[in-house]
Every structure is written in structure tokens, then in C-alpha cells.
Amino acid sequence: MKRVAGLLLLTIFTVSGCAMRLADMSVISTRNVSLDKVDLDRMPQVKNVTGKDSKFIFLFIPFGVPHLEDAVDDALRKGQGDLMVDAVVYSRSWWFIIGETGIEVKGSVVKTRGVEE
């Protein structure tokens, strides 16, 4: 019985983590975007795109710092666009001897370049 309880406790600690909502942003981009004469509602959009940047942790030692810029670039690459609208930024981490810390951004990716109105 002690073995089962110990295994259950170890499993709970292993899969435990933390997530924190950092920001809600109307528009975010890491690229130069001109919004003159652009109606974002008419541009092609890919909804519910998630971009991430994460770093490994071992024994309290992080192997780098996650960056918002890299998470946004990941989302823009996945959605094949150049800016995000209605983006939500999260900080996520989990740890038990080894772990991971990261930044995640979710939103709609809009393509404004190369689109004829």
C-alpha cells in the first residue's frame, strides 16, 4: 500500500505545473507591418494558432530564457501570416527534478502582405 501511495504522490508531483495568463493583446507582431488602408476583418485569417518558446530546467537550473518574440514568430510561421490579432500570452512551467518553462501565445494569425483587396 505504501508503494502505491508513493507512486501516486510521485506521479502527481511529476505532472504538476503552473500556468499564468500574462497579457491580452489586440494586435501583436514581430515583423514590420503597414496597416494603412488595411481592413483586418477582410484579410485571410487562421484562427486558434498557438506559438511556443520553451527552455529545459534541470535541478533548479534553467538552460535559457524563453522569449515572447520567439513564441510569436512560431505562431506566425504556423499560421503563414505577419501579425496576430486577439492574442493571449501565457507563461507555463512544470518541474520535478527536470522540467520546462515557456511562453505561449494564442490567437488568430492574419496575412496582410501579398493579398489584393
PDB file of N, CA and C in Angstrom:
ATOM      1  N   MET A   1       0.824  -1.201   0.000  1.00  0.00           N
ATOM      2  CA  MET A   1       0.000   0.000   0.000  1.00  0.00           C
ATOM      3  C   MET A   1       0.862   1.256   0.000  1.00  0.00           C
ATOM      4  N   LYS A   2       1.976   1.219   0.760  1.00  0.00           N
ATOM      5  CA  LYS A   2       2.869   2.368   0.789  1.00  0.00           C
ATOM      6  C   LYS A   2       3.500   2.608  -0.578  1.00  0.00           C
ATOM      7  N   ARG A   3       3.778   1.519  -1.273  1.00  0.00           N
ATOM      8  CA  ARG A   3       4.377   1.644  -2.604  1.00  0.00           C
ATOM      9  C   ARG A   3       3.410   2.341  -3.564  1.00  0.00           C
ATOM     10  N   VAL A   4       2.132   1.983  -3.528  1.00  0.00           N
ATOM     11  CA  VAL A   4       1.117   2.593  -4.389  1.00  0.00           C
ATOM     12  C   VAL A   4       0.951   4.072  -4.045  1.00  0.00           C
ATOM     13  N   ALA A   5       0.899   4.378  -2.747  1.00  0.00           N
ATOM     14  CA  ALA A   5       0.760   5.774  -2.318  1.00  0.00           C
ATOM     15  C   ALA A   5       1.973   6.588  -2.760  1.00  0.00           C
ATOM     16  N   GLY A   6       3.167   6.025  -2.624  1.00  0.00           N
ATOM     17  CA  GLY A   6       4.379   6.721  -3.058  1.00  0.00           C
ATOM     18  C   GLY A   6       4.392   6.954  -4.555  1.00  0.00           C
ATOM     19  N   LEU A   7       3.973   5.952  -5.312  1.00  0.00           N
ATOM     20  CA  LEU A   7       3.916   6.087  -6.766  1.00  0.00           C
ATOM     21  C   LEU A   7       2.892   7.136  -7.183  1.00  0.00           C
ATOM     22  N   LEU A   8       1.753   7.160  -6.516  1.00  0.00           N
ATOM     23  CA  LEU A   8       0.723   8.157  -6.803  1.00  0.00           C
ATOM     24  C   LEU A   8       1.223   9.559  -6.486  1.00  0.00           C
ATOM     25  N   LEU A   9       1.891   9.733  -5.362  1.00  0.00           N
ATOM     26  CA  LEU A   9       2.440  11.031  -4.989  1.00  0.00           C
ATOM     27  C   LEU A   9       3.504  11.480  -5.983  1.00  0.00           C
ATOM     28  N   LEU A  10       4.351  10.579  -6.395  1.00  0.00           N
ATOM     29  CA  LEU A  10       5.382  10.902  -7.385  1.00  0.00           C
ATOM     30  C   LEU A  10       4.754  11.318  -8.711  1.00  0.00           C
ATOM     31  N   THR A  11       3.712  10.626  -9.136  1.00  0.00           N
ATOM     32  CA  THR A  11       3.019  10.965 -10.379  1.00  0.00           C
ATOM     33  C   THR A  11       2.392  12.349 -10.306  1.00  0.00           C
ATOM     34  N   ILE A  12       1.778  12.665  -9.179  1.00  0.00           N
ATOM     35  CA  ILE A  12       1.158  13.989  -9.021  1.00  0.00           C
ATOM     36  C   ILE A  12       2.205  15.087  -9.105  1.00  0.00           C
ATOM     37  N   PHE A  13       3.338  14.906  -8.436  1.00  0.00           N
ATOM     38  CA  PHE A  13       4.385  15.916  -8.492  1.00  0.00           C
ATOM     39  C   PHE A  13       5.004  16.022  -9.885  1.00  0.00           C
ATOM     40  N   THR A  14       5.104  14.919 -10.578  1.00  0.00           N
ATOM     41  CA  THR A  14       5.710  14.910 -11.897  1.00  0.00           C
ATOM     42  C   THR A  14       4.887  15.663 -12.922  1.00  0.00           C
ATOM     43  N   VAL A  15       3.579  15.507 -12.873  1.00  0.00           N
ATOM     44  CA  VAL A  15       2.736  16.138 -13.886  1.00  0.00           C
ATOM     45  C   VAL A  15       2.178  17.479 -13.428  1.00  0.00           C
ATOM     46  N   SER A  16       2.556  17.931 -12.257  1.00  0.00           N
ATOM     47  CA  SER A  16       2.044  19.219 -11.797  1.00  0.00           C
ATOM     48  C   SER A  16       2.777  20.341 -12.513  1.00  0.00           C
ATOM     49  N   GLY A  17       2.091  21.426 -12.689  1.00  0.00           N
ATOM     50  CA  GLY A  17       2.677  22.562 -13.368  1.00  0.00           C
ATOM     51  C   GLY A  17       1.941  23.827 -13.018  1.00  0.00           C
ATOM     52  N   CYS A  18       2.344  24.884 -13.663  1.00  0.00           N
ATOM     53  CA  CYS A  18       1.762  26.181 -13.379  1.00  0.00           C
ATOM     54  C   CYS A  18       1.564  26.917 -14.700  1.00  0.00           C
ATOM     55  N   ALA A  19       0.433  27.574 -14.821  1.00  0.00           N
ATOM     56  CA  ALA A  19       0.173  28.405 -15.992  1.00  0.00           C
ATOM     57  C   ALA A  19      -0.378  29.744 -15.507  1.00  0.00           C
ATOM     58  N   MET A  20       0.099  30.819 -16.109  1.00  0.00           N
ATOM     59  CA  MET A  20      -0.340  32.138 -15.716  1.00  0.00           C
ATOM     60  C   MET A  20      -0.601  32.974 -16.969  1.00  0.00           C
ATOM     61  N   ARG A  21      -1.765  33.594 -17.011  1.00  0.00           N
ATOM     62  CA  ARG A  21      -2.110  34.474 -18.124  1.00  0.00           C
ATOM     63  C   ARG A  21      -1.380  35.797 -17.911  1.00  0.00           C
ATOM     64  N   LEU A  22      -0.563  36.190 -18.881  1.00  0.00           N
ATOM     65  CA  LEU A  22       0.241  37.398 -18.741  1.00  0.00           C
ATOM     66  C   LEU A  22      -0.386  38.621 -19.390  1.00  0.00           C
ATOM     67  N   ALA A  23      -0.980  38.444 -20.581  1.00  0.00           N
ATOM     68  CA  ALA A  23      -1.468  39.618 -21.300  1.00  0.00           C
ATOM     69  C   ALA A  23      -2.495  39.237 -22.351  1.00  0.00           C
ATOM     70  N   ASP A  24      -3.380  40.187 -22.638  1.00  0.00           N
ATOM     71  CA  ASP A  24      -4.298  40.117 -23.777  1.00  0.00           C
ATOM     72  C   ASP A  24      -3.906  41.262 -24.708  1.00  0.00           C
ATOM     73  N   MET A  25      -3.663  40.953 -25.970  1.00  0.00           N
ATOM     74  CA  MET A  25      -3.211  41.973 -26.911  1.00  0.00           C
ATOM     75  C   MET A  25      -4.117  42.003 -28.129  1.00  0.00           C
ATOM     76  N   SER A  26      -4.512  43.201 -28.519  1.00  0.00           N
ATOM     77  CA  SER A  26      -5.369  43.358 -29.697  1.00  0.00           C
ATOM     78  C   SER A  26      -4.612  42.982 -30.960  1.00  0.00           C
ATOM     79  N   VAL A  27      -3.381  43.485 -31.092  1.00  0.00           N
ATOM     80  CA  VAL A  27      -2.543  43.194 -32.256  1.00  0.00           C
ATOM     81  C   VAL A  27      -1.110  43.027 -31.764  1.00  0.00           C
ATOM     82  N   ILE A  28      -0.433  42.003 -32.272  1.00  0.00           N
ATOM     83  CA  ILE A  28       0.970  41.787 -31.932  1.00  0.00           C
ATOM     84  C   ILE A  28       1.682  41.219 -33.159  1.00  0.00           C
ATOM     85  N   SER A  29       2.922  41.675 -33.370  1.00  0.00           N
ATOM     86  CA  SER A  29       3.714  41.168 -34.482  1.00  0.00           C
ATOM     87  C   SER A  29       5.182  41.388 -34.196  1.00  0.00           C
ATOM     88  N   THR A  30       6.012  40.583 -34.808  1.00  0.00           N
ATOM     89  CA  THR A  30       7.458  40.775 -34.731  1.00  0.00           C
ATOM     90  C   THR A  30       8.001  41.248 -36.074  1.00  0.00           C
ATOM     91  N   ARG A  31       7.112  41.513 -37.001  1.00  0.00           N
ATOM     92  CA  ARG A  31       7.510  41.934 -38.347  1.00  0.00           C
ATOM     93  C   ARG A  31       7.012  43.340 -38.631  1.00  0.00           C
ATOM     94  N   ASN A  32       7.645  44.025 -39.557  1.00  0.00           N
ATOM     95  CA  ASN A  32       7.184  45.347 -39.964  1.00  0.00           C
ATOM     96  C   ASN A  32       5.906  45.190 -40.772  1.00  0.00           C
ATOM     97  N   VAL A  33       4.832  45.783 -40.276  1.00  0.00           N
ATOM     98  CA  VAL A  33       3.533  45.657 -40.919  1.00  0.00           C
ATOM     99  C   VAL A  33       2.944  47.050 -41.083  1.00  0.00           C
ATOM    100  N   SER A  34       2.509  47.365 -42.287  1.00  0.00           N
ATOM    101  CA  SER A  34       1.839  48.635 -42.546  1.00  0.00           C
ATOM    102  C   SER A  34       0.335  48.396 -42.536  1.00  0.00           C
ATOM    103  N   LEU A  35      -0.365  49.081 -41.651  1.00  0.00           N
ATOM    104  CA  LEU A  35      -1.813  48.899 -41.537  1.00  0.00           C
ATOM    105  C   LEU A  35      -2.587  50.025 -42.212  1.00  0.00           C
ATOM    106  N   ASP A  36      -1.887  50.851 -43.004  1.00  0.00           N
ATOM    107  CA  ASP A  36      -2.566  51.903 -43.772  1.00  0.00           C
ATOM    108  C   ASP A  36      -3.478  51.265 -44.808  1.00  0.00           C
ATOM    109  N   LYS A  37      -4.710  51.692 -44.825  1.00  0.00           N
ATOM    110  CA  LYS A  37      -5.695  51.228 -45.810  1.00  0.00           C
ATOM    111  C   LYS A  37      -5.890  49.708 -45.780  1.00  0.00           C
ATOM    112  N   VAL A  38      -5.768  49.100 -44.613  1.00  0.00           N
ATOM    113  CA  VAL A  38      -5.948  47.658 -44.473  1.00  0.00           C
ATOM    114  C   VAL A  38      -7.116  47.410 -43.529  1.00  0.00           C
ATOM    115  N   ASP A  39      -8.069  46.606 -43.981  1.00  0.00           N
ATOM    116  CA  ASP A  39      -9.184  46.187 -43.134  1.00  0.00           C
ATOM    117  C   ASP A  39      -8.876  44.775 -42.646  1.00  0.00           C
ATOM    118  N   LEU A  40      -8.484  44.672 -41.383  1.00  0.00           N
ATOM    119  CA  LEU A  40      -8.061  43.373 -40.849  1.00  0.00           C
ATOM    120  C   LEU A  40      -9.166  42.327 -40.903  1.00  0.00           C
ATOM    121  N   ASP A  41     -10.417  42.765 -40.831  1.00  0.00           N
ATOM    122  CA  ASP A  41     -11.529  41.812 -40.879  1.00  0.00           C
ATOM    123  C   ASP A  41     -11.656  41.138 -42.247  1.00  0.00           C
ATOM    124  N   ARG A  42     -11.159  41.779 -43.298  1.00  0.00           N
ATOM    125  CA  ARG A  42     -11.256  41.218 -44.649  1.00  0.00           C
ATOM    126  C   ARG A  42     -10.041  40.405 -45.059  1.00  0.00           C
ATOM    127  N   MET A  43      -8.985  40.475 -44.281  1.00  0.00           N
ATOM    128  CA  MET A  43      -7.758  39.743 -44.598  1.00  0.00           C
ATOM    129  C   MET A  43      -7.921  38.262 -44.231  1.00  0.00           C
ATOM    130  N   PRO A  44      -7.196  37.377 -44.935  1.00  0.00           N
ATOM    131  CA  PRO A  44      -7.247  35.954 -44.598  1.00  0.00           C
ATOM    132  C   PRO A  44      -6.710  35.715 -43.180  1.00  0.00           C
ATOM    133  N   GLN A  45      -7.460  34.938 -42.402  1.00  0.00           N
ATOM    134  CA  GLN A  45      -7.072  34.652 -41.018  1.00  0.00           C
ATOM    135  C   GLN A  45      -7.056  33.151 -40.751  1.00  0.00           C
ATOM    136  N   VAL A  46      -6.141  32.751 -39.912  1.00  0.00           N
ATOM    137  CA  VAL A  46      -6.107  31.381 -39.404  1.00  0.00           C
ATOM    138  C   VAL A  46      -6.358  31.506 -37.905  1.00  0.00           C
ATOM    139  N   LYS A  47      -7.463  30.961 -37.444  1.00  0.00           N
ATOM    140  CA  LYS A  47      -7.860  31.114 -36.044  1.00  0.00           C
ATOM    141  C   LYS A  47      -7.240  30.028 -35.164  1.00  0.00           C
ATOM    142  N   ASN A  48      -7.134  30.339 -33.884  1.00  0.00           N
ATOM    143  CA  ASN A  48      -6.653  29.404 -32.855  1.00  0.00           C
ATOM    144  C   ASN A  48      -5.266  28.840 -33.141  1.00  0.00           C
ATOM    145  N   VAL A  49      -4.343  29.721 -33.458  1.00  0.00           N
ATOM    146  CA  VAL A  49      -2.955  29.318 -33.681  1.00  0.00           C
ATOM    147  C   VAL A  49      -2.188  29.496 -32.368  1.00  0.00           C
ATOM    148  N   THR A  50      -1.357  28.530 -32.046  1.00  0.00           N
ATOM    149  CA  THR A  50      -0.552  28.590 -30.824  1.00  0.00           C
ATOM    150  C   THR A  50       0.925  28.570 -31.180  1.00  0.00           C
ATOM    151  N   GLY A  51       1.644  29.541 -30.640  1.00  0.00           N
ATOM    152  CA  GLY A  51       3.094  29.576 -30.797  1.00  0.00           C
ATOM    153  C   GLY A  51       3.748  29.427 -29.440  1.00  0.00           C
ATOM    154  N   LYS A  52       4.885  28.733 -29.394  1.00  0.00           N
ATOM    155  CA  LYS A  52       5.541  28.458 -28.118  1.00  0.00           C
ATOM    156  C   LYS A  52       7.041  28.686 -28.208  1.00  0.00           C
ATOM    157  N   ASP A  53       7.612  29.053 -27.091  1.00  0.00           N
ATOM    158  CA  ASP A  53       9.059  29.040 -26.911  1.00  0.00           C
ATOM    159  C   ASP A  53       9.292  28.510 -25.512  1.00  0.00           C
ATOM    160  N   SER A  54      10.076  27.450 -25.385  1.00  0.00           N
ATOM    161  CA  SER A  54      10.291  26.845 -24.070  1.00  0.00           C
ATOM    162  C   SER A  54      11.754  26.468 -23.893  1.00  0.00           C
ATOM    163  N   LYS A  55      12.144  26.376 -22.631  1.00  0.00           N
ATOM    164  CA  LYS A  55      13.506  26.018 -22.269  1.00  0.00           C
ATOM    165  C   LYS A  55      13.480  24.932 -21.196  1.00  0.00           C
ATOM    166  N   PHE A  56      14.502  24.127 -21.183  1.00  0.00           N
ATOM    167  CA  PHE A  56      14.650  22.986 -20.288  1.00  0.00           C
ATOM    168  C   PHE A  56      15.177  23.435 -18.927  1.00  0.00           C
ATOM    169  N   ILE A  57      14.730  22.753 -17.861  1.00  0.00           N
ATOM    170  CA  ILE A  57      15.212  23.004 -16.499  1.00  0.00           C
ATOM    171  C   ILE A  57      15.712  21.673 -15.924  1.00  0.00           C
ATOM    172  N   PHE A  58      16.868  21.708 -15.275  1.00  0.00           N
ATOM    173  CA  PHE A  58      17.396  20.524 -14.597  1.00  0.00           C
ATOM    174  C   PHE A  58      17.935  20.944 -13.237  1.00  0.00           C
ATOM    175  N   LEU A  59      17.387  20.367 -12.174  1.00  0.00           N
ATOM    176  CA  LEU A  59      17.808  20.652 -10.800  1.00  0.00           C
ATOM    177  C   LEU A  59      17.857  22.164 -10.514  1.00  0.00           C
ATOM    178  N   PHE A  60      16.782  22.839 -10.730  1.00  0.00           N
ATOM    179  CA  PHE A  60      16.643  24.286 -10.495  1.00  0.00           C
ATOM    180  C   PHE A  60      17.454  25.142 -11.457  1.00  0.00           C
ATOM    181  N   ILE A  61      18.150  24.554 -12.404  1.00  0.00           N
ATOM    182  CA  ILE A  61      18.999  25.319 -13.319  1.00  0.00           C
ATOM    183  C   ILE A  61      18.306  25.426 -14.669  1.00  0.00           C
ATOM    184  N   PRO A  62      17.875  26.640 -15.050  1.00  0.00           N
ATOM    185  CA  PRO A  62      17.265  26.802 -16.373  1.00  0.00           C
ATOM    186  C   PRO A  62      18.348  26.858 -17.461  1.00  0.00           C
ATOM    187  N   PHE A  63      18.081  26.246 -18.576  1.00  0.00           N
ATOM    188  CA  PHE A  63      19.007  26.250 -19.702  1.00  0.00           C
ATOM    189  C   PHE A  63      18.528  27.241 -20.752  1.00  0.00           C
ATOM    190  N   GLY A  64      18.382  28.487 -20.339  1.00  0.00           N
ATOM    191  CA  GLY A  64      17.941  29.552 -21.225  1.00  0.00           C
ATOM    192  C   GLY A  64      16.680  30.209 -20.709  1.00  0.00           C
ATOM    193  N   VAL A  65      16.307  31.280 -21.372  1.00  0.00           N
ATOM    194  CA  VAL A  65      15.120  32.051 -21.015  1.00  0.00           C
ATOM    195  C   VAL A  65      14.192  32.081 -22.224  1.00  0.00           C
ATOM    196  N   PRO A  66      12.934  31.689 -22.070  1.00  0.00           N
ATOM    197  CA  PRO A  66      12.005  31.763 -23.199  1.00  0.00           C
ATOM    198  C   PRO A  66      11.680  33.221 -23.529  1.00  0.00           C
ATOM    199  N   HIS A  67      11.477  33.501 -24.809  1.00  0.00           N
ATOM    200  CA  HIS A  67      11.219  34.865 -25.268  1.00  0.00           C
ATOM    201  C   HIS A  67       9.864  34.955 -25.972  1.00  0.00           C
ATOM    202  N   LEU A  68       9.155  36.024 -25.721  1.00  0.00           N
ATOM    203  CA  LEU A  68       7.871  36.277 -26.371  1.00  0.00           C
ATOM    204  C   LEU A  68       8.051  36.394 -27.881  1.00  0.00           C
ATOM    205  N   GLU A  69       9.114  37.034 -28.314  1.00  0.00           N
ATOM    206  CA  GLU A  69       9.376  37.194 -29.744  1.00  0.00           C
ATOM    207  C   GLU A  69       9.442  35.847 -30.465  1.00  0.00           C
ATOM    208  N   ASP A  70      10.104  34.873 -29.867  1.00  0.00           N
ATOM    209  CA  ASP A  70      10.214  33.551 -30.489  1.00  0.00           C
ATOM    210  C   ASP A  70       8.871  32.828 -30.517  1.00  0.00           C
ATOM    211  N   ALA A  71       8.060  33.017 -29.481  1.00  0.00           N
ATOM    212  CA  ALA A  71       6.726  32.405 -29.454  1.00  0.00           C
ATOM    213  C   ALA A  71       5.831  33.019 -30.537  1.00  0.00           C
ATOM    214  N   VAL A  72       5.897  34.331 -30.709  1.00  0.00           N
ATOM    215  CA  VAL A  72       5.100  34.995 -31.750  1.00  0.00           C
ATOM    216  C   VAL A  72       5.583  34.567 -33.129  1.00  0.00           C
ATOM    217  N   ASP A  73       6.899  34.503 -33.326  1.00  0.00           N
ATOM    218  CA  ASP A  73       7.441  34.041 -34.609  1.00  0.00           C
ATOM    219  C   ASP A  73       6.976  32.623 -34.928  1.00  0.00           C
ATOM    220  N   ASP A  74       6.915  31.759 -33.927  1.00  0.00           N
ATOM    221  CA  ASP A  74       6.442  30.391 -34.115  1.00  0.00           C
ATOM    222  C   ASP A  74       4.980  30.393 -34.568  1.00  0.00           C
ATOM    223  N   ALA A  75       4.144  31.208 -33.939  1.00  0.00           N
ATOM    224  CA  ALA A  75       2.730  31.285 -34.320  1.00  0.00           C
ATOM    225  C   ALA A  75       2.566  31.854 -35.730  1.00  0.00           C
ATOM    226  N   LEU A  76       3.327  32.893 -36.064  1.00  0.00           N
ATOM    227  CA  LEU A  76       3.227  33.487 -37.403  1.00  0.00           C
ATOM    228  C   LEU A  76       3.666  32.495 -38.476  1.00  0.00           C
ATOM    229  N   ARG A  77       4.682  31.711 -38.187  1.00  0.00           N
ATOM    230  CA  ARG A  77       5.137  30.683 -39.131  1.00  0.00           C
ATOM    231  C   ARG A  77       4.060  29.613 -39.316  1.00  0.00           C
ATOM    232  N   LYS A  78       3.444  29.169 -38.218  1.00  0.00           N
ATOM    233  CA  LYS A  78       2.403  28.149 -38.301  1.00  0.00           C
ATOM    234  C   LYS A  78       1.173  28.646 -39.043  1.00  0.00           C
ATOM    235  N   GLY A  79       0.805  29.912 -38.832  1.00  0.00           N
ATOM    236  CA  GLY A  79      -0.373  30.473 -39.484  1.00  0.00           C
ATOM    237  C   GLY A  79      -0.094  31.113 -40.829  1.00  0.00           C
ATOM    238  N   GLN A  80       1.172  31.153 -41.230  1.00  0.00           N
ATOM    239  CA  GLN A  80       1.611  31.722 -42.503  1.00  0.00           C
ATOM    240  C   GLN A  80       1.105  33.142 -42.691  1.00  0.00           C
ATOM    241  N   GLY A  81       1.301  33.971 -41.655  1.00  0.00           N
ATOM    242  CA  GLY A  81       0.885  35.365 -41.718  1.00  0.00           C
ATOM    243  C   GLY A  81       1.959  36.276 -41.182  1.00  0.00           C
ATOM    244  N   ASP A  82       1.582  37.549 -40.967  1.00  0.00           N
ATOM    245  CA  ASP A  82       2.568  38.502 -40.481  1.00  0.00           C
ATOM    246  C   ASP A  82       2.136  39.291 -39.256  1.00  0.00           C
ATOM    247  N   LEU A  83       0.935  39.041 -38.734  1.00  0.00           N
ATOM    248  CA  LEU A  83       0.551  39.614 -37.459  1.00  0.00           C
ATOM    249  C   LEU A  83      -0.542  38.783 -36.809  1.00  0.00           C
ATOM    250  N   MET A  84      -0.672  38.947 -35.490  1.00  0.00           N
ATOM    251  CA  MET A  84      -1.700  38.225 -34.740  1.00  0.00           C
ATOM    252  C   MET A  84      -2.690  39.231 -34.174  1.00  0.00           C
ATOM    253  N   VAL A  85      -3.965  38.845 -34.166  1.00  0.00           N
ATOM    254  CA  VAL A  85      -4.995  39.661 -33.529  1.00  0.00           C
ATOM    255  C   VAL A  85      -5.630  38.854 -32.404  1.00  0.00           C
ATOM    256  N   ASP A  86      -6.148  39.567 -31.418  1.00  0.00           N
ATOM    257  CA  ASP A  86      -6.787  38.941 -30.251  1.00  0.00           C
ATOM    258  C   ASP A  86      -5.892  37.882 -29.627  1.00  0.00           C
ATOM    259  N   ALA A  87      -4.639  38.239 -29.396  1.00  0.00           N
ATOM    260  CA  ALA A  87      -3.662  37.295 -28.859  1.00  0.00           C
ATOM    261  C   ALA A  87      -3.690  37.286 -27.331  1.00  0.00           C
ATOM    262  N   VAL A  88      -3.489  36.111 -26.775  1.00  0.00           N
ATOM    263  CA  VAL A  88      -3.383  35.933 -25.326  1.00  0.00           C
ATOM    264  C   VAL A  88      -2.022  35.296 -25.052  1.00  0.00           C
ATOM    265  N   VAL A  89      -1.282  35.881 -24.103  1.00  0.00           N
ATOM    266  CA  VAL A  89       0.057  35.412 -23.777  1.00  0.00           C
ATOM    267  C   VAL A  89       0.021  34.705 -22.423  1.00  0.00           C
ATOM    268  N   TYR A  90       0.595  33.494 -22.374  1.00  0.00           N
ATOM    269  CA  TYR A  90       0.642  32.694 -21.155  1.00  0.00           C
ATOM    270  C   TYR A  90       2.090  32.373 -20.805  1.00  0.00           C
ATOM    271  N   SER A  91       2.341  32.241 -19.520  1.00  0.00           N
ATOM    272  CA  SER A  91       3.597  31.695 -19.026  1.00  0.00           C
ATOM    273  C   SER A  91       3.273  30.321 -18.463  1.00  0.00           C
ATOM    274  N   ARG A  92       3.980  29.309 -18.910  1.00  0.00           N
ATOM    275  CA  ARG A  92       3.706  27.942 -18.462  1.00  0.00           C
ATOM    276  C   ARG A  92       5.008  27.308 -17.977  1.00  0.00           C
ATOM    277  N   SER A  93       4.879  26.494 -16.925  1.00  0.00           N
ATOM    278  CA  SER A  93       6.056  25.777 -16.448  1.00  0.00           C
ATOM    279  C   SER A  93       5.633  24.539 -15.677  1.00  0.00           C
ATOM    280  N   TRP A  94       6.516  23.577 -15.638  1.00  0.00           N
ATOM    281  CA  TRP A  94       6.359  22.398 -14.803  1.00  0.00           C
ATOM    282  C   TRP A  94       7.760  21.954 -14.405  1.00  0.00           C
ATOM    283  N   TRP A  95       7.823  21.292 -13.256  1.00  0.00           N
ATOM    284  CA  TRP A  95       9.125  20.906 -12.771  1.00  0.00           C
ATOM    285  C   TRP A  95       9.019  19.810 -11.727  1.00  0.00           C
ATOM    286  N   PHE A  96       9.882  18.855 -11.794  1.00  0.00           N
ATOM    287  CA  PHE A  96      10.159  17.878 -10.748  1.00  0.00           C
ATOM    288  C   PHE A  96      11.480  17.222 -11.124  1.00  0.00           C
ATOM    289  N   ILE A  97      12.550  17.667 -10.572  1.00  0.00           N
ATOM    290  CA  ILE A  97      13.928  17.314 -10.894  1.00  0.00           C
ATOM    291  C   ILE A  97      14.291  17.826 -12.291  1.00  0.00           C
ATOM    292  N   ILE A  98      13.517  17.453 -13.287  1.00  0.00           N
ATOM    293  CA  ILE A  98      13.652  18.063 -14.610  1.00  0.00           C
ATOM    294  C   ILE A  98      12.356  18.806 -14.894  1.00  0.00           C
ATOM    295  N   GLY A  99      12.389  19.703 -15.839  1.00  0.00           N
ATOM    296  CA  GLY A  99      11.165  20.435 -16.151  1.00  0.00           C
ATOM    297  C   GLY A  99      11.326  21.315 -17.365  1.00  0.00           C
ATOM    298  N   GLU A 100      10.370  22.216 -17.497  1.00  0.00           N
ATOM    299  CA  GLU A 100      10.339  23.097 -18.659  1.00  0.00           C
ATOM    300  C   GLU A 100       9.635  24.388 -18.274  1.00  0.00           C
ATOM    301  N   THR A 101      10.135  25.488 -18.777  1.00  0.00           N
ATOM    302  CA  THR A 101       9.477  26.773 -18.611  1.00  0.00           C
ATOM    303  C   THR A 101       9.297  27.370 -19.995  1.00  0.00           C
ATOM    304  N   GLY A 102       8.186  28.075 -20.193  1.00  0.00           N
ATOM    305  CA  GLY A 102       7.950  28.592 -21.531  1.00  0.00           C
ATOM    306  C   GLY A 102       6.931  29.700 -21.603  1.00  0.00           C
ATOM    307  N   ILE A 103       6.865  30.298 -22.765  1.00  0.00           N
ATOM    308  CA  ILE A 103       5.872  31.323 -23.083  1.00  0.00           C
ATOM    309  C   ILE A 103       5.061  30.799 -24.257  1.00  0.00           C
ATOM    310  N   GLU A 104       3.758  30.973 -24.164  1.00  0.00           N
ATOM    311  CA  GLU A 104       2.844  30.509 -25.200  1.00  0.00           C
ATOM    312  C   GLU A 104       1.947  31.666 -25.599  1.00  0.00           C
ATOM    313  N   VAL A 105       1.706  31.827 -26.886  1.00  0.00           N
ATOM    314  CA  VAL A 105       0.812  32.872 -27.384  1.00  0.00           C
ATOM    315  C   VAL A 105      -0.240  32.215 -28.268  1.00  0.00           C
ATOM    316  N   LYS A 106      -1.507  32.570 -28.041  1.00  0.00           N
ATOM    317  CA  LYS A 106      -2.620  32.007 -28.810  1.00  0.00           C
ATOM    318  C   LYS A 106      -3.431  33.146 -29.403  1.00  0.00           C
ATOM    319  N   GLY A 107      -3.868  32.969 -30.636  1.00  0.00           N
ATOM    320  CA  GLY A 107      -4.686  33.981 -31.284  1.00  0.00           C
ATOM    321  C   GLY A 107      -4.912  33.650 -32.744  1.00  0.00           C
ATOM    322  N   SER A 108      -5.406  34.641 -33.475  1.00  0.00           N
ATOM    323  CA  SER A 108      -5.643  34.499 -34.918  1.00  0.00           C
ATOM    324  C   SER A 108      -4.503  35.145 -35.680  1.00  0.00           C
ATOM    325  N   VAL A 109      -3.977  34.439 -36.650  1.00  0.00           N
ATOM    326  CA  VAL A 109      -2.892  34.949 -37.484  1.00  0.00           C
ATOM    327  C   VAL A 109      -3.484  35.519 -38.769  1.00  0.00           C
ATOM    328  N   VAL A 110      -3.071  36.733 -39.115  1.00  0.00           N
ATOM    329  CA  VAL A 110      -3.591  37.446 -40.290  1.00  0.00           C
ATOM    330  C   VAL A 110      -2.454  37.640 -41.293  1.00  0.00           C
ATOM    331  N   LYS A 111      -2.774  37.408 -42.554  1.00  0.00           N
ATOM    332  CA  LYS A 111      -1.815  37.644 -43.629  1.00  0.00           C
ATOM    333  C   LYS A 111      -2.204  38.942 -44.321  1.00  0.00           C
ATOM    334  N   THR A 112      -1.350  39.972 -44.212  1.00  0.00           N
ATOM    335  CA  THR A 112      -1.644  41.263 -44.848  1.00  0.00           C
ATOM    336  C   THR A 112      -0.811  41.509 -46.098  1.00  0.00           C
ATOM    337  N   ARG A 113       0.290  40.816 -46.233  1.00  0.00           N
ATOM    338  CA  ARG A 113       1.163  41.029 -47.396  1.00  0.00           C
ATOM    339  C   ARG A 113       0.762  40.112 -48.546  1.00  0.00           C
ATOM    340  N   GLY A 114       0.810  40.640 -49.735  1.00  0.00           N
ATOM    341  CA  GLY A 114       0.530  39.840 -50.918  1.00  0.00           C
ATOM    342  C   GLY A 114      -0.941  39.512 -51.115  1.00  0.00           C
ATOM    343  N   VAL A 115      -1.827  40.234 -50.428  1.00  0.00           N
ATOM    344  CA  VAL A 115      -3.257  39.994 -50.547  1.00  0.00           C
ATOM    345  C   VAL A 115      -3.874  41.183 -51.240  1.00  0.00           C
ATOM    346  N   GLU A 116      -4.599  40.942 -52.317  1.00  0.00           N
ATOM    347  CA  GLU A 116      -5.278  42.014 -53.045  1.00  0.00           C
ATOM    348  C   GLU A 116      -6.644  42.246 -52.427  1.00  0.00           C
ATOM    349  N   GLU A 117      -6.977  43.521 -52.191  1.00  0.00           N
ATOM    350  CA  GLU A 117      -8.299  43.836 -51.648  1.00  0.00           C
ATOM    351  C   GLU A 117      -9.298  44.014 -52.747  1.00  0.00           C
TER     352      GLU A 117
END
